[in-house]
Amino acid sequence: MEFLNGLRPSHDLTYDDVFMVPRASDVSSRFDVQLDTDDGSGTTIPLIVANMTAVAGRRMAETVARRGGLTVLPQDIPTDVVADVVNWVKARDLRYETPITLGPDRTVGDALSLLPKRAYGAVIVVQHGRPIGVVTDRDCAGADRFAALSTVMSTRLLTLPAGMAARDAFDLLDERHRLAPVVAPDGLLVGVLTRIGALRNTLYQPAVDGRGRLRIAAAVGVNGDVAGKAAQLFAAGIDLLVVDTAHGHQRRMLDALKAVRELAPTVPVAAGNVVSADGTRELIEAGADIVKVGVGPGAMCTTRMMTGVGRPQFSAVLECAAAARELGRHVWADGGVRYPRDVALALAAGASAVMIGSWFAGTYESPGDLQLDADGRAYKDSFGMASARAVANRTSNETPFDRARKGLFEEGISSGRMYLDPARPGVEDLIDAVVAGVRSSFTYAGASTISEFAERAVVGLQSAAGYAEGRPLHTGW
C-alpha cells in the first residue's frame, strides 16, 4: 500500500479518515478476484467471526464456513460443549443448509419458536426421515398455536436430488418454490436449498479441513490452566486456536503462547490483541502465526472511554501488518468495521483477514433469541466481551465475592440491541454485501489477490466532510 502523492500522515488514522484511489487495472470483473487467504486459516474469503458470546455459535460457524469464512467459538464456553459444537459443525453438508425438522403431530407453536433460527424461515415436516410438508410463517398466520402441523403444512413439495448441479437447482426453484428439501436417493432428507443458496454455491468455496469438513476455531484466555484447556480444544478437532485477551502485549500472554505452541505445532495459532509493531513482533516470536490487531474500536467496547487506551484502527493495522510481514506472519484486523469499505481498507493496510463481531450479531444465525421492539422491529441482544455480563459468564465457577469484585471492572456494554436489517437479515446477506464491495475494491486497484491488493492499493487522507460526501442520501449504505 502507498499513500497518495507520497504523503505520510502526521497522526494516526481510522477507516473513516482514508479513501482509496482508482488506478490502472487489468482486472475487468469482480469474478476474476480470488479472496483465498494465505495465513494458514484455510479461509476462502477474508472474514473471521469474532469470539463473542452474542455472535459466535454453531449456526454461525456452520453458515460462515460454508461460504468460506471462519468462526471462533468464545473462551467462556465449556470445552465439552465446544467439542459437541465442533463435531456438529464438521458433520454439516458443504452445500445444503441444515433443515429445521418437526414431526406432523408437533404444533404450530413449536414451529413458530424454531422459524427464527434460520434465515430461510421454514420448518420441514418429516415422517420416518422423509419430508412430507413445509411450514412457513405464512402457513402459521392465524392458526391455533396448538394445532398440529399436519393441518397447516404445505404438501405441494418440490424436492431436489442431492448432488444436483447448482444452476439446474436454481432453474427449478422459482418464486412459488423459493426453497426445497434436498433428498438422498432413498428419499431421506439431506438438507434445504434456497434459490439464492443455489446461486451462492456457484460463488463461494467452503472453508474445509484436510478431510473435506467445515472449519471451525475456538478461543482460550490467558488465565488459569491455559495449556490444559488448549489441549482439550486440540483434541476436540479445532482447526485454529485463538489466544485472546484485551491487552495482548503482556508476559502472561507470551507464557500462554509458548505453552500452547508446544502442544500442537501444526495447528495455526492466533493471538492478541495488540496495536504496535513491538507487540506484534513479541507475539510472533512467542509462537503466534497470526496476530489480532485492535484495542477499543469495537461497537460494544468502552475501553478507550474508560482508560484512554487504544489506537485508531487503520494505522494500527498498517504498522502491525508491516511488522508481521517482515517475519513471514500475518495479522487479522479486529474491530472497527461497519461497512464493506472498512473491510477493503483493512486488507489494503495489510491484514490477511478481518474479524467481525457486533455487525453479525443482528442476524438470524447469531445465538440470541429473536425479539421484537414496540414497533415490531426484530432485534437481538448483544454485549461486549469485557462487559459485566460477559465477565459474569466467564467467572460463573468462582466464589460470589470474587465474581462481585471482577464485576466492578467492566469495559464493555452489557446489553445493546442489534436490529436485523430487513434487506440483509441473514449473515449470508451481509457476507454477500461485504464480498461484493471487497471484490470491486480489488478491481479498482488492479489486484486479483489479497497480497496484490495490499501492494497496489493507493490510499489518500480525507476530512470528515470528504467522508460525508461519499455517503448516500438514502438510508443504508
Protein backbone atom coordinates (compact mmCIF):
# COMPACT_ATOMS: atom_id res chain seq x y z
CA MET A 1 0.00 0.00 0.00
CA GLU A 2 1.13 3.53 -0.66
CA PHE A 3 -0.24 6.90 0.35
CA LEU A 4 -1.46 9.25 -2.37
CA ASN A 5 1.25 11.68 -3.59
CA GLY A 6 3.73 10.12 -1.18
CA LEU A 7 2.08 11.84 1.76
CA ARG A 8 2.95 10.42 5.16
CA PRO A 9 0.29 11.26 7.75
CA SER A 10 1.41 13.04 10.90
CA HIS A 11 -1.30 11.44 13.03
CA ASP A 12 -2.99 8.06 13.37
CA LEU A 13 -5.95 7.26 11.15
CA THR A 14 -9.28 5.46 11.38
CA TYR A 15 -11.02 3.85 8.42
CA ASP A 16 -13.17 6.98 8.08
CA ASP A 17 -10.04 9.11 7.62
CA VAL A 18 -8.92 7.39 4.41
CA PHE A 19 -10.12 6.59 0.92
CA MET A 20 -8.76 4.53 -1.96
CA VAL A 21 -7.81 5.98 -5.33
CA PRO A 22 -8.52 4.01 -8.53
CA ARG A 23 -5.52 3.04 -10.61
CA ALA A 24 -4.87 1.38 -13.98
CA SER A 25 -6.32 -2.12 -13.89
CA ASP A 26 -6.28 -5.27 -15.98
CA VAL A 27 -8.85 -6.88 -13.70
CA SER A 28 -12.10 -6.17 -15.52
CA SER A 29 -14.54 -8.25 -13.47
CA ARG A 30 -15.07 -8.86 -9.78
CA PHE A 31 -15.46 -12.55 -10.67
CA ASP A 32 -11.76 -12.58 -11.58
CA VAL A 33 -10.82 -11.80 -7.97
CA GLN A 34 -9.64 -14.58 -5.66
CA LEU A 35 -10.14 -13.96 -1.93
CA ASP A 36 -8.35 -17.03 -0.55
CA THR A 37 -6.14 -16.19 2.42
CA ASP A 38 -2.57 -17.45 2.81
CA ASP A 39 -2.35 -17.13 6.60
CA GLY A 40 -2.95 -20.81 7.37
CA SER A 41 -6.56 -20.34 8.46
CA GLY A 42 -7.88 -22.17 5.40
CA THR A 43 -10.45 -19.50 4.61
CA THR A 44 -11.54 -18.69 1.07
CA ILE A 45 -12.91 -15.27 1.99
CA PRO A 46 -11.12 -12.95 4.44
CA LEU A 47 -13.82 -12.88 7.11
CA ILE A 48 -13.48 -14.17 10.68
CA VAL A 49 -16.39 -14.14 13.13
CA ALA A 50 -15.07 -12.81 16.44
CA ASN A 51 -15.21 -14.93 19.58
CA MET A 52 -18.14 -13.05 21.14
CA THR A 53 -20.77 -14.99 23.06
CA ALA A 54 -23.58 -12.98 21.47
CA VAL A 55 -22.28 -13.67 17.96
CA ALA A 56 -20.37 -16.93 17.57
CA GLY A 57 -22.31 -20.17 17.93
CA ARG A 58 -22.83 -23.34 15.97
CA ARG A 59 -25.32 -21.92 13.45
CA MET A 60 -22.99 -19.02 12.74
CA ALA A 61 -19.98 -21.35 12.47
CA GLU A 62 -21.71 -23.66 10.03
CA THR A 63 -23.12 -20.93 7.80
CA VAL A 64 -19.98 -18.80 7.62
CA ALA A 65 -17.67 -21.77 6.95
CA ARG A 66 -19.95 -22.89 4.13
CA ARG A 67 -19.28 -19.52 2.49
CA GLY A 68 -15.53 -19.66 3.13
CA GLY A 69 -15.07 -17.80 6.41
CA LEU A 70 -14.21 -18.96 9.91
CA THR A 71 -15.98 -18.61 13.27
CA VAL A 72 -14.10 -18.51 16.57
CA LEU A 73 -16.05 -20.00 19.47
CA PRO A 74 -15.76 -17.89 22.66
CA GLN A 75 -13.42 -18.76 25.52
CA ASP A 76 -16.23 -18.86 28.10
CA ILE A 77 -17.85 -21.96 26.57
CA PRO A 78 -17.01 -25.20 28.44
CA THR A 79 -14.67 -27.43 26.47
CA ASP A 80 -17.12 -30.35 26.39
CA VAL A 81 -19.70 -28.07 24.79
CA VAL A 82 -17.07 -26.84 22.30
CA ALA A 83 -16.32 -30.46 21.41
CA ASP A 84 -20.02 -31.11 20.73
CA VAL A 85 -20.25 -27.99 18.56
CA VAL A 86 -17.11 -28.91 16.61
CA ASN A 87 -18.45 -32.41 15.91
CA TRP A 88 -21.82 -30.99 14.89
CA VAL A 89 -20.34 -28.38 12.52
CA LYS A 90 -18.00 -30.88 10.91
CA ALA A 91 -20.93 -33.19 10.21
CA ARG A 92 -22.80 -30.48 8.24
CA ASP A 93 -23.21 -30.61 4.48
CA LEU A 94 -20.95 -28.36 2.43
CA ARG A 95 -23.73 -27.24 0.04
CA TYR A 96 -27.08 -27.51 1.77
CA GLU A 97 -28.41 -25.72 4.83
CA THR A 98 -29.28 -27.73 7.90
CA PRO A 99 -33.05 -28.26 7.97
CA ILE A 100 -35.30 -27.43 10.90
CA THR A 101 -37.43 -30.55 11.25
CA LEU A 102 -40.56 -31.45 13.19
CA GLY A 103 -42.99 -34.33 13.03
CA PRO A 104 -46.54 -33.87 11.69
CA ASP A 105 -48.02 -34.17 15.20
CA ARG A 106 -45.99 -31.26 16.58
CA THR A 107 -47.77 -27.95 17.00
CA VAL A 108 -47.82 -24.59 15.28
CA GLY A 109 -46.36 -23.14 18.47
CA ASP A 110 -43.37 -25.48 18.16
CA ALA A 111 -42.80 -24.31 14.59
CA LEU A 112 -43.10 -20.62 15.47
CA SER A 113 -40.42 -20.99 18.14
CA LEU A 114 -37.99 -22.51 15.62
CA LEU A 115 -38.65 -20.49 12.47
CA PRO A 116 -36.43 -17.52 13.52
CA LYS A 117 -33.44 -19.86 13.97
CA ARG A 118 -32.68 -19.97 10.25
CA ALA A 119 -32.71 -17.27 7.60
CA TYR A 120 -34.66 -19.44 5.16
CA GLY A 121 -37.68 -19.33 7.51
CA ALA A 122 -39.19 -22.78 7.07
CA VAL A 123 -39.75 -25.96 9.04
CA ILE A 124 -39.58 -29.24 7.12
CA VAL A 125 -42.20 -31.68 8.37
CA VAL A 126 -40.75 -35.19 8.28
CA GLN A 127 -42.02 -38.69 8.81
CA HIS A 128 -39.55 -41.56 9.12
CA GLY A 129 -36.81 -39.18 7.98
CA ARG A 130 -38.58 -38.22 4.74
CA PRO A 131 -40.07 -34.78 4.03
CA ILE A 132 -43.87 -34.69 3.77
CA GLY A 133 -44.55 -30.97 4.13
CA VAL A 134 -43.20 -27.46 4.65
CA VAL A 135 -44.38 -24.88 7.18
CA THR A 136 -43.61 -21.15 6.99
CA ASP A 137 -44.79 -18.06 8.87
CA ARG A 138 -47.49 -17.62 6.27
CA ASP A 139 -48.88 -21.08 6.99
CA CYS A 140 -48.98 -20.32 10.71
CA ALA A 141 -50.68 -16.92 10.40
CA GLY A 142 -54.00 -17.03 12.22
CA ALA A 143 -53.64 -20.70 13.13
CA ASP A 144 -54.21 -22.03 16.62
CA ARG A 145 -50.84 -22.43 18.32
CA PHE A 146 -51.87 -25.91 19.47
CA ALA A 147 -52.93 -27.08 16.01
CA ALA A 148 -50.94 -29.97 14.56
CA LEU A 149 -48.57 -29.12 11.75
CA SER A 150 -50.25 -31.69 9.56
CA THR A 151 -53.27 -29.38 9.41
CA VAL A 152 -51.37 -26.27 8.22
CA MET A 153 -48.37 -27.56 6.28
CA SER A 154 -47.99 -27.22 2.54
CA THR A 155 -47.81 -30.63 0.91
CA ARG A 156 -47.08 -29.44 -2.62
CA LEU A 157 -43.40 -30.23 -2.24
CA LEU A 158 -40.64 -29.66 -4.72
CA THR A 159 -37.76 -31.90 -3.71
CA LEU A 160 -34.28 -31.80 -5.21
CA PRO A 161 -31.93 -34.78 -5.51
CA ALA A 162 -28.67 -34.46 -3.58
CA GLY A 163 -25.79 -33.65 -5.89
CA MET A 164 -27.82 -31.74 -8.48
CA ALA A 165 -25.82 -29.01 -10.22
CA ALA A 166 -26.38 -25.62 -8.59
CA ARG A 167 -27.53 -24.00 -11.83
CA ASP A 168 -30.05 -26.75 -12.52
CA ALA A 169 -31.39 -26.42 -8.98
CA PHE A 170 -31.68 -22.65 -9.42
CA ASP A 171 -33.66 -23.12 -12.63
CA LEU A 172 -36.10 -25.49 -10.91
CA LEU A 173 -36.72 -23.16 -7.98
CA ASP A 174 -38.98 -20.17 -8.56
CA GLU A 175 -40.84 -17.57 -6.56
CA ARG A 176 -43.50 -20.10 -5.57
CA HIS A 177 -40.87 -22.62 -4.56
CA ARG A 178 -38.22 -20.37 -3.08
CA LEU A 179 -36.75 -23.33 -1.19
CA ALA A 180 -36.83 -27.09 -1.46
CA PRO A 181 -35.88 -30.06 0.69
CA VAL A 182 -32.90 -31.96 -0.71
CA VAL A 183 -33.21 -35.73 -0.54
CA ALA A 184 -30.92 -38.72 -0.93
CA PRO A 185 -31.73 -41.49 -3.44
CA ASP A 186 -33.63 -43.34 -0.70
CA GLY A 187 -35.83 -40.28 -0.07
CA LEU A 188 -34.28 -39.34 3.26
CA LEU A 189 -33.91 -35.63 3.98
CA VAL A 190 -30.37 -34.30 3.44
CA GLY A 191 -30.80 -30.56 3.74
CA VAL A 192 -32.52 -27.44 2.43
CA LEU A 193 -31.61 -25.40 -0.64
CA THR A 194 -32.98 -21.96 -1.45
CA ARG A 195 -32.84 -20.23 -4.80
CA ILE A 196 -30.27 -17.74 -3.54
CA GLY A 197 -28.41 -20.60 -1.85
CA ALA A 198 -28.03 -22.26 -5.24
CA LEU A 199 -26.52 -19.04 -6.57
CA ARG A 200 -24.17 -18.79 -3.61
CA ASN A 201 -22.95 -22.33 -4.24
CA THR A 202 -21.54 -21.05 -7.55
CA LEU A 203 -19.87 -18.01 -5.99
CA TYR A 204 -18.27 -19.31 -2.79
CA GLN A 205 -15.97 -22.16 -1.86
CA PRO A 206 -16.43 -23.57 1.66
CA ALA A 207 -13.57 -23.43 4.14
CA VAL A 208 -12.75 -27.10 4.71
CA ASP A 209 -10.16 -29.08 6.61
CA GLY A 210 -7.94 -31.83 5.20
CA ARG A 211 -10.83 -34.29 5.38
CA GLY A 212 -13.23 -32.05 3.49
CA ARG A 213 -15.23 -30.92 6.54
CA LEU A 214 -16.19 -27.38 7.51
CA ARG A 215 -13.57 -25.50 9.52
CA ILE A 216 -14.10 -24.04 12.99
CA ALA A 217 -11.88 -22.28 15.54
CA ALA A 218 -12.03 -21.70 19.29
CA ALA A 219 -10.51 -19.30 21.79
CA VAL A 220 -8.82 -19.52 25.18
CA GLY A 221 -7.96 -16.75 27.61
CA VAL A 222 -4.63 -16.27 29.35
CA ASN A 223 -5.74 -17.07 32.91
CA GLY A 224 -5.99 -20.43 34.64
CA ASP A 225 -4.89 -23.69 33.06
CA VAL A 226 -4.44 -22.35 29.53
CA ALA A 227 -2.41 -25.32 28.33
CA GLY A 228 -4.92 -27.80 29.75
CA LYS A 229 -7.86 -26.15 28.06
CA ALA A 230 -5.95 -25.73 24.79
CA ALA A 231 -5.08 -29.44 24.84
CA GLN A 232 -8.79 -30.28 25.17
CA LEU A 233 -9.65 -27.96 22.28
CA PHE A 234 -6.99 -29.51 20.06
CA ALA A 235 -8.32 -32.95 20.96
CA ALA A 236 -11.81 -31.78 20.02
CA GLY A 237 -10.57 -31.13 16.50
CA ILE A 238 -10.50 -27.36 16.19
CA ASP A 239 -8.73 -26.06 13.10
CA LEU A 240 -7.26 -22.92 14.67
CA LEU A 241 -6.72 -21.71 18.22
CA VAL A 242 -7.07 -18.08 19.30
CA VAL A 243 -5.29 -16.99 22.49
CA ASP A 244 -7.22 -13.91 23.42
CA THR A 245 -7.03 -11.09 25.93
CA ALA A 246 -7.75 -7.37 25.71
CA HIS A 247 -4.10 -6.48 26.42
CA GLY A 248 -2.06 -8.93 24.40
CA HIS A 249 1.34 -7.30 24.90
CA GLN A 250 1.98 -8.76 28.35
CA ARG A 251 4.01 -11.51 29.98
CA ARG A 252 1.02 -13.74 30.72
CA MET A 253 0.15 -13.80 27.02
CA LEU A 254 3.70 -14.66 26.00
CA ASP A 255 3.83 -17.52 28.51
CA ALA A 256 0.44 -18.81 27.35
CA LEU A 257 1.54 -18.70 23.72
CA LYS A 258 4.69 -20.67 24.37
CA ALA A 259 2.72 -23.27 26.32
CA VAL A 260 0.04 -23.87 23.68
CA ARG A 261 2.50 -23.73 20.79
CA GLU A 262 4.24 -26.85 22.07
CA LEU A 263 1.00 -28.84 22.25
CA ALA A 264 0.08 -28.83 18.56
CA PRO A 265 2.85 -27.38 16.39
CA THR A 266 0.88 -27.82 13.15
CA VAL A 267 -2.35 -26.11 14.22
CA PRO A 268 -2.36 -22.35 13.44
CA VAL A 269 -2.42 -20.09 16.49
CA ALA A 270 -3.70 -16.53 16.51
CA ALA A 271 -3.06 -14.21 19.45
CA GLY A 272 -3.85 -10.70 20.56
CA ASN A 273 -4.81 -8.00 20.89
CA VAL A 274 -2.04 -5.51 20.16
CA VAL A 275 -1.72 -2.24 18.25
CA SER A 276 2.05 -1.79 17.86
CA ALA A 277 4.92 -3.27 15.88
CA ASP A 278 6.71 -4.22 19.10
CA GLY A 279 3.70 -6.12 20.38
CA THR A 280 3.29 -7.87 17.04
CA ARG A 281 6.91 -9.00 16.94
CA GLU A 282 6.85 -10.30 20.52
CA LEU A 283 3.72 -12.37 19.95
CA ILE A 284 5.14 -13.85 16.76
CA GLU A 285 8.43 -14.69 18.45
CA ALA A 286 6.46 -16.42 21.22
CA GLY A 287 4.71 -18.63 18.66
CA ALA A 288 1.80 -16.77 17.07
CA ASP A 289 1.13 -17.40 13.38
CA ILE A 290 -1.46 -14.62 13.27
CA VAL A 291 -1.68 -11.50 15.43
CA LYS A 292 -5.01 -9.87 16.22
CA VAL A 293 -4.84 -6.10 15.92
CA GLY A 294 -7.22 -3.72 17.64
CA VAL A 295 -7.76 -2.13 21.05
CA GLY A 296 -11.00 -0.24 21.55
CA PRO A 297 -12.58 0.02 18.07
CA GLY A 298 -15.39 -2.48 18.69
CA ALA A 299 -19.00 -1.35 18.69
CA MET A 300 -19.61 -2.81 22.16
CA CYS A 301 -16.25 -1.79 23.65
CA THR A 302 -15.77 1.16 26.03
CA THR A 303 -12.03 0.65 26.65
CA ARG A 304 -10.97 3.94 25.09
CA MET A 305 -13.53 5.96 27.01
CA MET A 306 -12.77 4.15 30.27
CA THR A 307 -8.98 4.07 30.05
CA GLY A 308 -7.83 6.33 27.23
CA VAL A 309 -6.01 3.30 25.80
CA GLY A 310 -6.22 2.20 22.19
CA ARG A 311 -5.24 3.34 18.73
CA PRO A 312 -7.07 4.35 15.55
CA GLN A 313 -7.54 1.10 13.71
CA PHE A 314 -6.27 1.82 10.20
CA SER A 315 -2.88 2.98 11.46
CA ALA A 316 -2.68 0.10 13.94
CA VAL A 317 -3.29 -2.47 11.20
CA LEU A 318 -0.85 -0.76 8.84
CA GLU A 319 2.01 -0.80 11.35
CA CYS A 320 1.38 -4.27 12.75
CA ALA A 321 0.93 -5.84 9.31
CA ALA A 322 4.27 -4.45 8.19
CA ALA A 323 6.00 -5.88 11.26
CA ALA A 324 4.34 -9.27 10.77
CA ARG A 325 5.24 -9.35 7.08
CA GLU A 326 8.92 -8.93 7.92
CA LEU A 327 8.71 -12.13 10.00
CA GLY A 328 6.64 -14.08 7.45
CA ARG A 329 3.47 -13.92 9.53
CA HIS A 330 0.06 -12.25 9.29
CA VAL A 331 -2.42 -10.05 11.15
CA TRP A 332 -6.19 -10.00 11.48
CA ALA A 333 -7.85 -6.60 11.78
CA ASP A 334 -10.13 -6.97 14.81
CA GLY A 335 -12.91 -4.44 15.21
CA GLY A 336 -13.98 -1.10 13.86
CA VAL A 337 -15.61 -2.30 10.63
CA ARG A 338 -19.12 -1.05 9.97
CA TYR A 339 -19.32 -1.06 6.18
CA PRO A 340 -17.82 -3.15 3.36
CA ARG A 341 -15.42 -0.26 2.61
CA ASP A 342 -13.83 -0.74 6.04
CA VAL A 343 -13.09 -4.38 5.29
CA ALA A 344 -11.45 -3.40 2.00
CA LEU A 345 -9.36 -0.72 3.70
CA ALA A 346 -8.19 -3.17 6.38
CA LEU A 347 -6.99 -5.52 3.63
CA ALA A 348 -5.31 -2.60 1.88
CA ALA A 349 -3.47 -1.86 5.13
CA GLY A 350 -2.09 -5.40 5.07
CA ALA A 351 -4.48 -7.57 7.08
CA SER A 352 -4.95 -11.10 5.77
CA ALA A 353 -8.50 -11.17 7.17
CA VAL A 354 -10.93 -9.04 9.11
CA MET A 355 -12.72 -10.03 12.32
CA ILE A 356 -16.38 -9.06 12.59
CA GLY A 357 -18.37 -9.10 15.81
CA SER A 358 -21.38 -6.92 16.59
CA TRP A 359 -22.11 -6.34 12.90
CA PHE A 360 -23.05 -10.03 12.67
CA ALA A 361 -24.94 -10.06 15.99
CA GLY A 362 -28.08 -8.75 14.31
CA THR A 363 -28.64 -11.81 12.12
CA TYR A 364 -30.72 -14.96 12.26
CA GLU A 365 -27.59 -17.05 12.77
CA SER A 366 -26.31 -15.39 15.96
CA PRO A 367 -27.03 -17.33 19.17
CA GLY A 368 -29.53 -14.99 20.79
CA ASP A 369 -33.30 -15.23 20.64
CA LEU A 370 -35.06 -13.03 18.12
CA GLN A 371 -37.11 -10.31 19.82
CA LEU A 372 -39.45 -7.55 18.68
CA ASP A 373 -39.50 -3.99 19.96
CA ALA A 374 -42.63 -1.90 20.47
CA ASP A 375 -42.69 -1.02 16.77
CA GLY A 376 -42.39 -4.62 15.66
CA ARG A 377 -38.74 -4.34 14.58
CA ALA A 378 -36.71 -7.52 15.02
CA TYR A 379 -33.53 -7.40 17.07
CA LYS A 380 -31.13 -9.50 19.12
CA ASP A 381 -29.26 -8.58 22.28
CA SER A 382 -25.52 -8.09 22.01
CA PHE A 383 -22.85 -7.36 24.61
CA GLY A 384 -19.12 -6.74 24.77
CA MET A 385 -16.72 -9.42 26.00
CA ALA A 386 -15.34 -7.14 28.73
CA SER A 387 -18.81 -6.17 29.92
CA ALA A 388 -20.25 -7.15 33.30
CA ARG A 389 -22.49 -9.69 31.57
CA ALA A 390 -19.57 -11.39 29.83
CA VAL A 391 -17.40 -11.29 32.96
CA ALA A 392 -20.22 -12.96 34.90
CA ASN A 393 -20.35 -15.74 32.30
CA ARG A 394 -16.60 -16.34 32.46
CA THR A 395 -16.44 -16.34 36.26
CA SER A 396 -19.51 -18.47 36.96
CA ASN A 397 -17.41 -21.09 38.79
CA GLU A 398 -15.77 -18.58 41.16
CA THR A 399 -16.99 -17.51 44.58
CA PRO A 400 -19.67 -14.81 44.79
CA PHE A 401 -17.13 -12.47 46.38
CA ASP A 402 -14.57 -12.89 43.58
CA ARG A 403 -17.25 -12.56 40.92
CA ALA A 404 -18.56 -9.37 42.51
CA ARG A 405 -15.08 -7.87 42.64
CA LYS A 406 -14.38 -8.60 39.00
CA GLY A 407 -17.81 -7.35 38.01
CA LEU A 408 -16.81 -3.87 39.16
CA PHE A 409 -14.26 -3.61 36.37
CA GLU A 410 -16.26 -3.78 33.16
CA GLU A 411 -15.13 -2.14 29.92
CA GLY A 412 -17.93 -3.05 27.58
CA ILE A 413 -21.63 -2.56 27.01
CA SER A 414 -23.64 -5.24 28.80
CA SER A 415 -26.71 -5.05 26.60
CA GLY A 416 -27.36 -3.44 23.26
CA ARG A 417 -29.98 -4.05 20.62
CA MET A 418 -28.64 -5.13 17.26
CA TYR A 419 -31.50 -4.73 14.81
CA LEU A 420 -31.85 -7.07 11.87
CA ASP A 421 -31.56 -5.21 8.59
CA PRO A 422 -34.78 -6.08 6.72
CA ALA A 423 -32.80 -6.14 3.46
CA ARG A 424 -29.99 -8.26 4.95
CA PRO A 425 -31.38 -10.26 7.88
CA GLY A 426 -29.10 -13.29 7.48
CA VAL A 427 -25.34 -13.43 7.90
CA GLU A 428 -25.03 -14.67 4.32
CA ASP A 429 -26.75 -11.49 3.14
CA LEU A 430 -24.11 -9.45 4.95
CA ILE A 431 -21.33 -11.65 3.58
CA ASP A 432 -22.68 -11.07 0.07
CA ALA A 433 -22.55 -7.30 0.59
CA VAL A 434 -19.04 -7.36 2.08
CA VAL A 435 -17.60 -9.68 -0.56
CA ALA A 436 -19.20 -7.70 -3.38
CA GLY A 437 -17.67 -4.48 -2.07
CA VAL A 438 -14.25 -6.03 -1.49
CA ARG A 439 -14.16 -7.65 -4.92
CA SER A 440 -15.00 -4.32 -6.53
CA SER A 441 -12.27 -2.60 -4.50
CA PHE A 442 -9.78 -5.11 -5.89
CA THR A 443 -10.79 -4.29 -9.46
CA TYR A 444 -10.28 -0.57 -8.77
CA ALA A 445 -6.77 -1.34 -7.53
CA GLY A 446 -5.96 -3.72 -10.38
CA ALA A 447 -5.47 -6.61 -7.97
CA SER A 448 -6.76 -10.17 -8.23
CA THR A 449 -5.49 -11.49 -4.87
CA ILE A 450 -5.27 -10.22 -1.30
CA SER A 451 -1.50 -9.90 -1.45
CA GLU A 452 -1.65 -7.96 -4.73
CA PHE A 453 -4.26 -5.66 -3.24
CA ALA A 454 -2.06 -4.85 -0.25
CA GLU A 455 0.75 -3.98 -2.68
CA ARG A 456 -1.22 -1.97 -5.22
CA ALA A 457 -3.74 -0.04 -3.10
CA VAL A 458 -3.27 3.74 -3.16
CA VAL A 459 -4.79 5.46 -0.13
CA GLY A 460 -5.45 9.13 0.46
CA LEU A 461 -6.48 11.18 3.51
CA GLN A 462 -9.83 12.92 3.81
CA SER A 463 -11.68 15.30 6.09
CA ALA A 464 -14.94 14.49 7.83
CA ALA A 465 -16.65 16.40 5.02
CA GLY A 466 -14.91 14.17 2.48
CA TYR A 467 -16.20 11.08 4.23
CA ALA A 468 -19.73 12.54 4.43
CA GLU A 469 -19.65 13.34 0.71
CA GLY A 470 -19.23 9.65 -0.08
CA ARG A 471 -22.28 8.55 1.88
CA PRO A 472 -25.58 8.12 0.02
CA LEU A 473 -28.52 10.28 0.98
CA HIS A 474 -30.88 7.34 1.42
CA THR A 475 -30.73 5.01 4.40
CA GLY A 476 -28.36 2.05 4.38
CA TRP A 477 -25.08 2.07 2.52
